[in-house]
Structures are given as C-alpha cells and as structure tokens.
C-alpha cells in the first residue's frame, strides 16, 4: 500500500483535477447547451421576450414533441419571476392538462423531501440541477408518463 501511495501521490492532484473538469463538462449550467441527460430537458420561455400566448404555444410544442419522441421524461420550464403572469399561466396550463403528466412540480417544492421530485429525479438518472432545494419559483417541472 505504501508503494502504491508513493507512486500515485505525484499524479493524484492532476488526476483529480482532470476528473473534476470532465464532471464539469458533463453538467449543464443554464443555457450552456451542454446536455444534462437525454431524459431531462430544459426550456426557457421566460427570457425570450415572448408574448404570453407565444410562450404557451412554445411550451405546448416542446411538450408535444418530447412526448411523441419518447426519450425525454422531464421538462424543466424556466418561466422566470417577472410579474408572475407567465408563471401563473404555465401552472394553470399544466393543471388543464389533467392526466397528461405523471406530475407537475413547482420550483418551490423541488427538493429531495418531495416524493414526486425524488422519484422524477431517480427516473432521469438524478441529473445535476442547480435548482434542487433552492425553492426557485421561476421554474416548473413537468414529468411525463
């Protein structure tokens, strides 16, 4: 064991640094374009300057395409804080889709103590998400059947 430790000690910091960089490249930070998981998709309809109707249309298109293609299991919808009109509309739209989704989780409830959040994350392979446990009301998660 001492021989192995003596041999690895000079390269260990470089190896750890390299692994850390690889892990960082595998995560998604906002709209970086790096995929988090094939089953976890992020759409931002709150920072594009869309009208309310256009934002909801974009949401419907993304949800329908994801369901049809079958690979995505969860969509993280970024609607932003703003006046709260888009947040309210997105969440009402989700409620009006009764039976279409397995669950809808508001950002304020998105943590590992929430049953739907925990199960949703497990199904997606627990992707990295900086909003986990942050009580972020600017997002809503939609979990497909």
N, C-alpha and C. Protein backbone atom coordinates (compact mmCIF):
# COMPACT_ATOMS: atom_id res chain seq x y z
N UNK A 1 0.81 -1.21 0.00
CA UNK A 1 0.00 0.00 0.00
C UNK A 1 0.86 1.28 0.00
N UNK A 2 1.95 1.30 0.77
CA UNK A 2 2.79 2.50 0.81
C UNK A 2 3.43 2.75 -0.54
N UNK A 3 3.86 1.67 -1.22
CA UNK A 3 4.47 1.81 -2.53
C UNK A 3 3.46 2.39 -3.54
N UNK A 4 2.25 1.90 -3.48
CA UNK A 4 1.20 2.41 -4.37
C UNK A 4 0.93 3.88 -4.08
N UNK A 5 0.82 4.22 -2.80
CA UNK A 5 0.58 5.61 -2.41
C UNK A 5 1.72 6.51 -2.85
N UNK A 6 2.96 6.06 -2.66
CA UNK A 6 4.12 6.85 -3.08
C UNK A 6 4.14 7.04 -4.59
N UNK A 7 3.71 6.02 -5.32
CA UNK A 7 3.70 6.08 -6.78
C UNK A 7 2.61 7.02 -7.28
N UNK A 8 1.45 6.99 -6.66
CA UNK A 8 0.32 7.79 -7.12
C UNK A 8 0.32 9.22 -6.61
N UNK A 9 0.99 9.50 -5.52
CA UNK A 9 0.95 10.83 -4.92
C UNK A 9 1.31 11.94 -5.90
N UNK A 10 2.39 11.82 -6.71
CA UNK A 10 2.70 12.92 -7.64
C UNK A 10 1.65 13.15 -8.71
N UNK A 11 0.93 12.11 -9.14
CA UNK A 11 -0.04 12.27 -10.21
C UNK A 11 -1.46 12.47 -9.71
N UNK A 12 -1.68 12.20 -8.44
CA UNK A 12 -3.03 12.27 -7.89
C UNK A 12 -3.69 13.64 -8.05
N UNK A 13 -3.04 14.76 -7.72
CA UNK A 13 -3.71 16.06 -7.92
C UNK A 13 -4.10 16.31 -9.37
N UNK A 14 -3.23 15.95 -10.32
CA UNK A 14 -3.57 16.15 -11.73
C UNK A 14 -4.73 15.27 -12.15
N UNK A 15 -4.76 14.05 -11.65
CA UNK A 15 -5.85 13.12 -11.98
C UNK A 15 -7.17 13.64 -11.43
N UNK A 16 -7.16 14.09 -10.20
CA UNK A 16 -8.38 14.64 -9.59
C UNK A 16 -8.84 15.86 -10.36
N UNK A 17 -7.92 16.75 -10.73
CA UNK A 17 -8.26 17.95 -11.49
C UNK A 17 -8.89 17.55 -12.83
N UNK A 18 -8.31 16.57 -13.53
CA UNK A 18 -8.82 16.11 -14.81
C UNK A 18 -10.23 15.54 -14.66
N UNK A 19 -10.45 14.73 -13.64
CA UNK A 19 -11.78 14.15 -13.40
C UNK A 19 -12.78 15.26 -13.09
N UNK A 20 -12.37 16.25 -12.30
CA UNK A 20 -13.24 17.38 -11.97
C UNK A 20 -13.65 18.13 -13.23
N UNK A 21 -12.72 18.37 -14.14
CA UNK A 21 -13.02 19.06 -15.39
C UNK A 21 -14.00 18.24 -16.23
N UNK A 22 -13.79 16.94 -16.30
CA UNK A 22 -14.71 16.09 -17.05
C UNK A 22 -16.12 16.15 -16.46
N UNK A 23 -16.21 16.14 -15.14
CA UNK A 23 -17.52 16.24 -14.49
C UNK A 23 -18.18 17.57 -14.78
N UNK A 24 -17.41 18.64 -14.75
CA UNK A 24 -17.97 19.96 -15.05
C UNK A 24 -18.49 20.02 -16.48
N UNK A 25 -17.78 19.41 -17.41
CA UNK A 25 -18.22 19.42 -18.80
C UNK A 25 -19.48 18.61 -18.99
N UNK A 26 -19.76 17.70 -18.09
CA UNK A 26 -20.93 16.84 -18.21
C UNK A 26 -22.17 17.46 -17.59
N UNK A 27 -22.04 18.60 -16.95
CA UNK A 27 -23.17 19.26 -16.30
C UNK A 27 -23.70 20.37 -17.19
N UNK A 28 -24.91 20.81 -16.89
CA UNK A 28 -25.48 21.92 -17.62
C UNK A 28 -25.68 23.09 -16.68
N UNK A 29 -25.23 24.22 -17.09
CA UNK A 29 -25.40 25.44 -16.31
C UNK A 29 -26.22 26.40 -17.14
N UNK A 30 -27.50 26.50 -16.82
CA UNK A 30 -28.38 27.41 -17.55
C UNK A 30 -28.51 26.98 -19.01
N UNK A 31 -28.25 27.92 -19.91
CA UNK A 31 -28.41 27.66 -21.34
C UNK A 31 -27.07 27.40 -22.01
N UNK A 32 -26.18 26.67 -21.35
CA UNK A 32 -24.85 26.42 -21.90
C UNK A 32 -24.89 25.50 -23.10
N UNK A 33 -25.99 24.78 -23.30
CA UNK A 33 -26.09 23.88 -24.43
C UNK A 33 -25.52 22.49 -24.12
N UNK A 34 -24.92 22.30 -22.97
CA UNK A 34 -24.40 21.00 -22.59
C UNK A 34 -25.56 20.17 -22.09
N UNK A 35 -25.70 18.96 -22.60
CA UNK A 35 -26.81 18.10 -22.19
C UNK A 35 -26.60 17.55 -20.79
N UNK A 36 -27.64 17.58 -19.99
CA UNK A 36 -27.59 17.03 -18.64
C UNK A 36 -27.90 15.55 -18.69
N UNK A 37 -28.91 15.19 -19.40
CA UNK A 37 -29.37 13.82 -19.51
C UNK A 37 -30.33 13.79 -20.69
N UNK A 38 -30.35 12.71 -21.40
CA UNK A 38 -31.28 12.61 -22.53
C UNK A 38 -32.72 12.61 -22.06
N UNK A 39 -32.93 12.29 -20.80
CA UNK A 39 -34.30 12.22 -20.27
C UNK A 39 -34.74 13.50 -19.57
N UNK A 40 -33.85 14.47 -19.48
CA UNK A 40 -34.11 15.71 -18.75
C UNK A 40 -33.83 16.88 -19.68
N UNK A 41 -34.87 17.66 -19.99
CA UNK A 41 -34.75 18.75 -20.96
C UNK A 41 -35.10 20.07 -20.29
N UNK A 42 -34.39 21.12 -20.67
CA UNK A 42 -34.66 22.46 -20.13
C UNK A 42 -35.15 23.34 -21.27
N UNK A 43 -36.27 24.02 -21.02
CA UNK A 43 -36.72 25.03 -21.98
C UNK A 43 -36.90 26.35 -21.23
N UNK A 44 -36.50 27.41 -21.87
CA UNK A 44 -36.60 28.75 -21.28
C UNK A 44 -37.58 29.57 -22.11
N UNK A 45 -38.76 29.78 -21.57
CA UNK A 45 -39.77 30.59 -22.27
C UNK A 45 -39.96 31.93 -21.59
N UNK A 46 -39.21 32.16 -20.53
CA UNK A 46 -39.39 33.39 -19.76
C UNK A 46 -38.41 34.50 -20.07
N UNK A 47 -37.38 34.19 -20.84
CA UNK A 47 -36.35 35.19 -21.10
C UNK A 47 -36.15 35.42 -22.59
N UNK A 48 -37.15 35.08 -23.39
CA UNK A 48 -37.05 35.19 -24.84
C UNK A 48 -37.83 36.37 -25.39
N UNK A 49 -38.54 37.09 -24.53
CA UNK A 49 -39.34 38.22 -24.99
C UNK A 49 -40.64 37.79 -25.65
N UNK A 50 -41.08 36.55 -25.42
CA UNK A 50 -42.32 36.05 -25.99
C UNK A 50 -43.52 36.72 -25.33
N UNK A 51 -44.59 36.88 -26.11
CA UNK A 51 -45.86 37.25 -25.51
C UNK A 51 -46.35 36.04 -24.72
N UNK A 52 -47.35 36.23 -23.88
CA UNK A 52 -47.89 35.14 -23.09
C UNK A 52 -48.39 34.00 -23.98
N UNK A 53 -49.14 34.35 -25.02
CA UNK A 53 -49.66 33.33 -25.93
C UNK A 53 -48.53 32.59 -26.65
N UNK A 54 -47.54 33.32 -27.10
CA UNK A 54 -46.40 32.71 -27.81
C UNK A 54 -45.63 31.79 -26.87
N UNK A 55 -45.44 32.19 -25.62
CA UNK A 55 -44.72 31.36 -24.64
C UNK A 55 -45.47 30.06 -24.38
N UNK A 56 -46.78 30.13 -24.23
CA UNK A 56 -47.58 28.91 -24.00
C UNK A 56 -47.60 28.02 -25.25
N UNK A 57 -47.60 28.63 -26.42
CA UNK A 57 -47.53 27.86 -27.66
C UNK A 57 -46.20 27.11 -27.73
N UNK A 58 -45.12 27.80 -27.40
CA UNK A 58 -43.80 27.17 -27.39
C UNK A 58 -43.75 26.03 -26.38
N UNK A 59 -44.36 26.22 -25.22
CA UNK A 59 -44.43 25.17 -24.21
C UNK A 59 -45.16 23.95 -24.76
N UNK A 60 -46.31 24.18 -25.38
CA UNK A 60 -47.10 23.07 -25.96
C UNK A 60 -46.31 22.34 -27.03
N UNK A 61 -45.61 23.06 -27.87
CA UNK A 61 -44.81 22.43 -28.94
C UNK A 61 -43.72 21.56 -28.33
N UNK A 62 -42.99 22.10 -27.36
CA UNK A 62 -41.90 21.35 -26.74
C UNK A 62 -42.40 20.11 -26.00
N UNK A 63 -43.51 20.26 -25.29
CA UNK A 63 -44.09 19.13 -24.56
C UNK A 63 -44.57 18.06 -25.54
N UNK A 64 -45.30 18.47 -26.57
CA UNK A 64 -45.82 17.51 -27.55
C UNK A 64 -44.70 16.77 -28.27
N UNK A 65 -43.67 17.50 -28.68
CA UNK A 65 -42.53 16.86 -29.36
C UNK A 65 -41.83 15.88 -28.42
N UNK A 66 -41.65 16.26 -27.18
CA UNK A 66 -40.97 15.39 -26.22
C UNK A 66 -41.76 14.12 -25.95
N UNK A 67 -43.07 14.26 -25.80
CA UNK A 67 -43.91 13.09 -25.57
C UNK A 67 -43.89 12.18 -26.80
N UNK A 68 -44.00 12.77 -27.98
CA UNK A 68 -44.02 11.99 -29.22
C UNK A 68 -42.72 11.23 -29.42
N UNK A 69 -41.58 11.89 -29.19
CA UNK A 69 -40.28 11.26 -29.39
C UNK A 69 -40.00 10.20 -28.32
N UNK A 70 -40.54 10.40 -27.12
CA UNK A 70 -40.47 9.38 -26.09
C UNK A 70 -39.20 9.27 -25.28
N UNK A 71 -38.19 10.04 -25.60
CA UNK A 71 -36.92 9.92 -24.87
C UNK A 71 -36.90 10.79 -23.62
N UNK A 72 -37.43 11.99 -23.72
CA UNK A 72 -37.44 12.93 -22.60
C UNK A 72 -38.52 12.51 -21.61
N UNK A 73 -38.17 12.51 -20.33
CA UNK A 73 -39.12 12.15 -19.27
C UNK A 73 -39.54 13.36 -18.45
N UNK A 74 -38.66 14.38 -18.40
CA UNK A 74 -38.95 15.57 -17.60
C UNK A 74 -38.54 16.81 -18.38
N UNK A 75 -39.39 17.82 -18.32
CA UNK A 75 -39.02 19.13 -18.86
C UNK A 75 -38.99 20.12 -17.69
N UNK A 76 -37.89 20.83 -17.62
CA UNK A 76 -37.76 21.93 -16.66
C UNK A 76 -38.11 23.20 -17.43
N UNK A 77 -39.21 23.82 -17.05
CA UNK A 77 -39.68 25.03 -17.72
C UNK A 77 -39.20 26.23 -16.92
N UNK A 78 -38.40 27.07 -17.56
CA UNK A 78 -37.97 28.32 -16.93
C UNK A 78 -38.90 29.41 -17.43
N UNK A 79 -39.74 29.90 -16.54
CA UNK A 79 -40.69 30.95 -16.91
C UNK A 79 -40.30 32.28 -16.29
N UNK A 80 -39.34 32.26 -15.39
CA UNK A 80 -38.86 33.50 -14.78
C UNK A 80 -39.80 34.01 -13.69
N UNK A 81 -39.34 35.05 -13.02
CA UNK A 81 -40.14 35.68 -11.96
C UNK A 81 -41.05 36.74 -12.56
N UNK A 82 -40.48 37.78 -13.11
CA UNK A 82 -41.26 38.85 -13.76
C UNK A 82 -42.45 39.29 -12.94
N UNK A 83 -43.56 39.48 -13.62
CA UNK A 83 -44.79 39.91 -12.94
C UNK A 83 -45.52 38.72 -12.32
N UNK A 84 -45.13 37.53 -12.72
CA UNK A 84 -45.80 36.32 -12.24
C UNK A 84 -46.88 35.83 -13.18
N UNK A 85 -47.16 36.60 -14.22
CA UNK A 85 -48.22 36.22 -15.17
C UNK A 85 -47.86 34.95 -15.93
N UNK A 86 -46.63 34.84 -16.38
CA UNK A 86 -46.23 33.65 -17.12
C UNK A 86 -46.18 32.43 -16.20
N UNK A 87 -45.69 32.61 -15.00
CA UNK A 87 -45.66 31.51 -14.03
C UNK A 87 -47.08 30.99 -13.79
N UNK A 88 -48.00 31.89 -13.54
CA UNK A 88 -49.39 31.52 -13.30
C UNK A 88 -49.98 30.81 -14.52
N UNK A 89 -49.72 31.34 -15.70
CA UNK A 89 -50.26 30.75 -16.92
C UNK A 89 -49.70 29.36 -17.18
N UNK A 90 -48.39 29.19 -16.97
CA UNK A 90 -47.77 27.88 -17.17
C UNK A 90 -48.38 26.86 -16.22
N UNK A 91 -48.52 27.23 -14.97
CA UNK A 91 -49.05 26.29 -13.97
C UNK A 91 -50.53 26.00 -14.19
N UNK A 92 -51.29 26.99 -14.63
CA UNK A 92 -52.70 26.75 -14.97
C UNK A 92 -52.80 25.85 -16.19
N UNK A 93 -51.93 26.09 -17.18
CA UNK A 93 -51.90 25.26 -18.38
C UNK A 93 -51.64 23.80 -17.99
N UNK A 94 -50.69 23.60 -17.09
CA UNK A 94 -50.38 22.23 -16.63
C UNK A 94 -51.58 21.59 -15.94
N UNK A 95 -52.28 22.36 -15.11
CA UNK A 95 -53.47 21.84 -14.42
C UNK A 95 -54.56 21.46 -15.42
N UNK A 96 -54.66 22.23 -16.50
CA UNK A 96 -55.68 21.96 -17.52
C UNK A 96 -55.34 20.73 -18.36
N UNK A 97 -54.14 20.22 -18.22
CA UNK A 97 -53.70 19.04 -18.98
C UNK A 97 -53.89 17.76 -18.14
N UNK A 98 -54.85 17.77 -17.27
CA UNK A 98 -55.08 16.68 -16.32
C UNK A 98 -54.97 15.31 -16.98
N UNK A 99 -54.13 14.45 -16.37
CA UNK A 99 -53.92 13.11 -16.87
C UNK A 99 -52.82 12.98 -17.91
N UNK A 100 -52.40 14.09 -18.46
CA UNK A 100 -51.35 14.06 -19.50
C UNK A 100 -49.97 13.86 -18.89
N UNK A 101 -49.78 14.31 -17.65
CA UNK A 101 -48.47 14.25 -16.99
C UNK A 101 -48.55 13.39 -15.74
N UNK A 102 -47.44 12.77 -15.42
CA UNK A 102 -47.36 11.99 -14.19
C UNK A 102 -47.38 12.93 -12.99
N UNK A 103 -46.68 14.05 -13.11
CA UNK A 103 -46.67 15.04 -12.03
C UNK A 103 -46.17 16.37 -12.57
N UNK A 104 -46.57 17.42 -11.88
CA UNK A 104 -46.04 18.76 -12.12
C UNK A 104 -45.50 19.23 -10.78
N UNK A 105 -44.24 19.61 -10.76
CA UNK A 105 -43.59 20.03 -9.51
C UNK A 105 -43.18 21.49 -9.64
N UNK A 106 -43.73 22.32 -8.77
CA UNK A 106 -43.35 23.72 -8.75
C UNK A 106 -41.93 23.85 -8.18
N UNK A 107 -41.20 24.82 -8.68
CA UNK A 107 -39.82 25.01 -8.23
C UNK A 107 -39.69 25.19 -6.73
N UNK A 108 -40.70 25.77 -6.10
CA UNK A 108 -40.66 25.97 -4.65
C UNK A 108 -40.68 24.65 -3.89
N UNK A 109 -41.20 23.61 -4.53
CA UNK A 109 -41.34 22.30 -3.90
C UNK A 109 -40.28 21.30 -4.35
N UNK A 110 -39.38 21.73 -5.21
CA UNK A 110 -38.41 20.83 -5.82
C UNK A 110 -37.23 20.58 -4.89
N UNK A 111 -37.33 19.49 -4.12
CA UNK A 111 -36.23 19.05 -3.27
C UNK A 111 -36.36 17.55 -3.04
N UNK A 112 -35.39 16.97 -2.39
CA UNK A 112 -35.39 15.51 -2.22
C UNK A 112 -36.40 15.02 -1.20
N UNK A 113 -37.03 15.94 -0.47
CA UNK A 113 -38.05 15.56 0.50
C UNK A 113 -39.43 15.49 -0.14
N UNK A 114 -39.55 15.99 -1.36
CA UNK A 114 -40.79 15.93 -2.11
C UNK A 114 -40.82 14.60 -2.86
N UNK A 115 -41.85 13.80 -2.63
CA UNK A 115 -41.96 12.46 -3.21
C UNK A 115 -41.85 12.49 -4.73
N UNK A 116 -42.63 13.37 -5.38
CA UNK A 116 -42.59 13.44 -6.85
C UNK A 116 -41.21 13.88 -7.34
N UNK A 117 -40.61 14.85 -6.68
CA UNK A 117 -39.28 15.32 -7.08
C UNK A 117 -38.26 14.20 -7.01
N UNK A 118 -38.25 13.49 -5.91
CA UNK A 118 -37.27 12.41 -5.71
C UNK A 118 -37.47 11.31 -6.75
N UNK A 119 -38.69 10.90 -6.99
CA UNK A 119 -38.96 9.84 -7.96
C UNK A 119 -38.67 10.30 -9.39
N UNK A 120 -39.01 11.54 -9.69
CA UNK A 120 -38.75 12.11 -11.00
C UNK A 120 -37.24 12.13 -11.29
N UNK A 121 -36.48 12.58 -10.32
CA UNK A 121 -35.02 12.64 -10.47
C UNK A 121 -34.43 11.23 -10.62
N UNK A 122 -34.94 10.29 -9.86
CA UNK A 122 -34.44 8.92 -9.94
C UNK A 122 -34.68 8.34 -11.34
N UNK A 123 -35.85 8.62 -11.88
CA UNK A 123 -36.18 8.10 -13.21
C UNK A 123 -35.29 8.70 -14.30
N UNK A 124 -34.83 9.91 -14.07
CA UNK A 124 -33.96 10.59 -15.04
C UNK A 124 -32.48 10.34 -14.78
N UNK A 125 -32.16 9.50 -13.83
CA UNK A 125 -30.76 9.25 -13.51
C UNK A 125 -30.17 10.32 -12.62
N UNK A 126 -31.01 11.03 -11.87
CA UNK A 126 -30.58 12.09 -10.95
C UNK A 126 -29.62 13.08 -11.59
N UNK A 127 -30.07 13.78 -12.64
CA UNK A 127 -29.18 14.73 -13.30
C UNK A 127 -28.82 15.90 -12.38
N UNK A 128 -27.67 16.48 -12.63
CA UNK A 128 -27.27 17.67 -11.89
C UNK A 128 -28.27 18.78 -12.16
N UNK A 129 -28.71 19.46 -11.13
CA UNK A 129 -29.62 20.58 -11.30
C UNK A 129 -29.35 21.59 -10.19
N UNK A 130 -28.85 22.77 -10.55
CA UNK A 130 -28.52 23.76 -9.53
C UNK A 130 -29.74 24.28 -8.77
N UNK A 131 -30.95 24.01 -9.25
CA UNK A 131 -32.15 24.49 -8.58
C UNK A 131 -32.69 23.53 -7.53
N UNK A 132 -32.10 22.37 -7.40
CA UNK A 132 -32.56 21.41 -6.40
C UNK A 132 -32.43 21.99 -5.00
N UNK A 133 -33.56 22.06 -4.30
CA UNK A 133 -33.58 22.56 -2.93
C UNK A 133 -33.49 24.07 -2.80
N UNK A 134 -33.57 24.81 -3.90
CA UNK A 134 -33.42 26.28 -3.87
C UNK A 134 -34.74 27.03 -3.75
N UNK A 135 -35.86 26.31 -3.78
CA UNK A 135 -37.19 26.94 -3.69
C UNK A 135 -37.37 28.04 -4.74
N UNK A 136 -36.98 27.73 -5.96
CA UNK A 136 -36.98 28.69 -7.06
C UNK A 136 -38.36 28.73 -7.73
N UNK A 137 -39.10 29.79 -7.48
CA UNK A 137 -40.45 29.91 -8.02
C UNK A 137 -40.46 30.28 -9.51
N UNK A 138 -39.29 30.48 -10.10
CA UNK A 138 -39.19 30.85 -11.51
C UNK A 138 -39.17 29.65 -12.44
N UNK A 139 -39.35 28.44 -11.88
CA UNK A 139 -39.32 27.22 -12.70
C UNK A 139 -40.46 26.29 -12.31
N UNK A 140 -40.81 25.44 -13.26
CA UNK A 140 -41.82 24.40 -13.04
C UNK A 140 -41.33 23.15 -13.78
N UNK A 141 -41.45 22.00 -13.14
CA UNK A 141 -41.02 20.73 -13.74
C UNK A 141 -42.25 19.95 -14.18
N UNK A 142 -42.18 19.39 -15.39
CA UNK A 142 -43.26 18.56 -15.91
C UNK A 142 -42.69 17.16 -16.12
N UNK A 143 -43.30 16.17 -15.44
CA UNK A 143 -42.85 14.78 -15.51
C UNK A 143 -43.85 13.99 -16.33
N UNK A 144 -43.37 13.39 -17.40
CA UNK A 144 -44.24 12.63 -18.32
C UNK A 144 -44.45 11.22 -17.82
N UNK A 145 -45.53 10.60 -18.29
CA UNK A 145 -45.83 9.19 -18.01
C UNK A 145 -44.84 8.32 -18.72
